[in-house]
Amino acid sequence: MIFKDLAKKTPAELTEELLKLRREQFNLRMAAAAGQPAKPDQFGKVRKSIARVKTALNQQRVGGKA
């Protein structure tokens, strides 16, 4: 996920993307707890994607007030 693409999205789209990523993160945690094999690199990728979406949302909120 590229930050430039996220910056072009509306806050509603970003919120929807954040919800999707949170669900994916939850599913990865549940799969790991159940003992199902998961790709270990996915945890970090999802976490970083969540951070990118949150950063884009925050920048839009701060930028909109100025």
C-alpha atoms as a PDB file:
ATOM      1  CA  MET A   1       0.000   0.000   0.000  1.00  0.00           C
ATOM      2  CA  ILE A   2       1.542   3.293  -1.116  1.00  0.00           C
ATOM      3  CA  PHE A   3       1.003   6.442   0.941  1.00  0.00           C
ATOM      4  CA  LYS A   4       0.473   8.609  -2.149  1.00  0.00           C
ATOM      5  CA  ASP A   5      -2.559   6.517  -3.057  1.00  0.00           C
ATOM      6  CA  LEU A   6      -3.940   6.809   0.451  1.00  0.00           C
ATOM      7  CA  ALA A   7      -3.566  10.581   0.505  1.00  0.00           C
ATOM      8  CA  LYS A   8      -5.891  10.840  -2.505  1.00  0.00           C
ATOM      9  CA  LYS A   9      -8.725   8.940  -0.808  1.00  0.00           C
ATOM     10  CA  THR A  10     -11.591  10.546   1.085  1.00  0.00           C
ATOM     11  CA  PRO A  11     -11.857  10.188   4.857  1.00  0.00           C
ATOM     12  CA  ALA A  12     -14.785   7.780   4.427  1.00  0.00           C
ATOM     13  CA  GLU A  13     -12.717   5.545   2.149  1.00  0.00           C
ATOM     14  CA  LEU A  14      -9.798   5.669   4.568  1.00  0.00           C
ATOM     15  CA  THR A  15     -12.038   4.725   7.479  1.00  0.00           C
ATOM     16  CA  GLU A  16     -13.355   1.777   5.490  1.00  0.00           C
ATOM     17  CA  GLU A  17      -9.795   0.716   4.620  1.00  0.00           C
ATOM     18  CA  LEU A  18      -8.807   0.980   8.285  1.00  0.00           C
ATOM     19  CA  LEU A  19     -11.708  -1.242   9.308  1.00  0.00           C
ATOM     20  CA  LYS A  20     -10.712  -3.811   6.679  1.00  0.00           C
ATOM     21  CA  LEU A  21      -7.112  -3.834   7.897  1.00  0.00           C
ATOM     22  CA  ARG A  22      -8.185  -4.170  11.537  1.00  0.00           C
ATOM     23  CA  ARG A  23     -10.296  -7.195  10.616  1.00  0.00           C
ATOM     24  CA  GLU A  24      -7.362  -8.723   8.771  1.00  0.00           C
ATOM     25  CA  GLN A  25      -5.131  -8.126  11.785  1.00  0.00           C
ATOM     26  CA  PHE A  26      -7.695  -9.773  14.047  1.00  0.00           C
ATOM     27  CA  ASN A  27      -7.978 -12.773  11.730  1.00  0.00           C
ATOM     28  CA  LEU A  28      -4.194 -13.184  11.706  1.00  0.00           C
ATOM     29  CA  ARG A  29      -4.113 -13.131  15.502  1.00  0.00           C
ATOM     30  CA  MET A  30      -6.917 -15.690  15.732  1.00  0.00           C
ATOM     31  CA  ALA A  31      -5.231 -17.952  13.199  1.00  0.00           C
ATOM     32  CA  ALA A  32      -1.981 -17.807  15.165  1.00  0.00           C
ATOM     33  CA  ALA A  33      -3.802 -18.580  18.415  1.00  0.00           C
ATOM     34  CA  ALA A  34      -5.552 -21.546  16.798  1.00  0.00           C
ATOM     35  CA  GLY A  35      -2.211 -22.931  15.658  1.00  0.00           C
ATOM     36  CA  GLN A  36      -2.868 -22.523  11.961  1.00  0.00           C
ATOM     37  CA  PRO A  37       0.233 -21.737   9.942  1.00  0.00           C
ATOM     38  CA  ALA A  38       0.378 -18.099   8.878  1.00  0.00           C
ATOM     39  CA  LYS A  39       2.995 -16.072   7.119  1.00  0.00           C
ATOM     40  CA  PRO A  40       4.900 -14.246   9.859  1.00  0.00           C
ATOM     41  CA  ASP A  41       5.640 -11.266   7.620  1.00  0.00           C
ATOM     42  CA  GLN A  42       1.926 -10.510   7.275  1.00  0.00           C
ATOM     43  CA  PHE A  43       1.713  -9.259  10.870  1.00  0.00           C
ATOM     44  CA  GLY A  44       4.205  -6.467  10.235  1.00  0.00           C
ATOM     45  CA  LYS A  45       2.773  -5.574   6.842  1.00  0.00           C
ATOM     46  CA  VAL A  46      -0.736  -5.182   8.205  1.00  0.00           C
ATOM     47  CA  ARG A  47       0.489  -3.186  11.204  1.00  0.00           C
ATOM     48  CA  LYS A  48       2.418  -0.797   8.966  1.00  0.00           C
ATOM     49  CA  SER A  49      -0.522  -0.436   6.587  1.00  0.00           C
ATOM     50  CA  ILE A  50      -2.750   0.504   9.533  1.00  0.00           C
ATOM     51  CA  ALA A  51      -0.209   3.146  10.548  1.00  0.00           C
ATOM     52  CA  ARG A  52      -0.162   4.562   7.006  1.00  0.00           C
ATOM     53  CA  VAL A  53      -3.954   4.820   6.893  1.00  0.00           C
ATOM     54  CA  LYS A  54      -4.077   6.467  10.314  1.00  0.00           C
ATOM     55  CA  THR A  55      -1.399   8.949   9.268  1.00  0.00           C
ATOM     56  CA  ALA A  56      -3.306   9.858   6.108  1.00  0.00           C
ATOM     57  CA  LEU A  57      -6.518  10.324   8.108  1.00  0.00           C
ATOM     58  CA  ASN A  58      -4.762  12.516  10.653  1.00  0.00           C
ATOM     59  CA  GLN A  59      -3.129  14.656   7.970  1.00  0.00           C
ATOM     60  CA  GLN A  60      -6.483  15.219   6.291  1.00  0.00           C
ATOM     61  CA  ARG A  61      -8.098  16.211   9.597  1.00  0.00           C
ATOM     62  CA  VAL A  62      -5.309  18.625  10.519  1.00  0.00           C
ATOM     63  CA  GLY A  63      -5.014  19.964   6.984  1.00  0.00           C
ATOM     64  CA  GLY A  64      -8.762  20.525   6.745  1.00  0.00           C
ATOM     65  CA  LYS A  65      -8.807  22.733   9.854  1.00  0.00           C
ATOM     66  CA  ALA A  66      -6.000  25.028   8.717  1.00  0.00           C
END
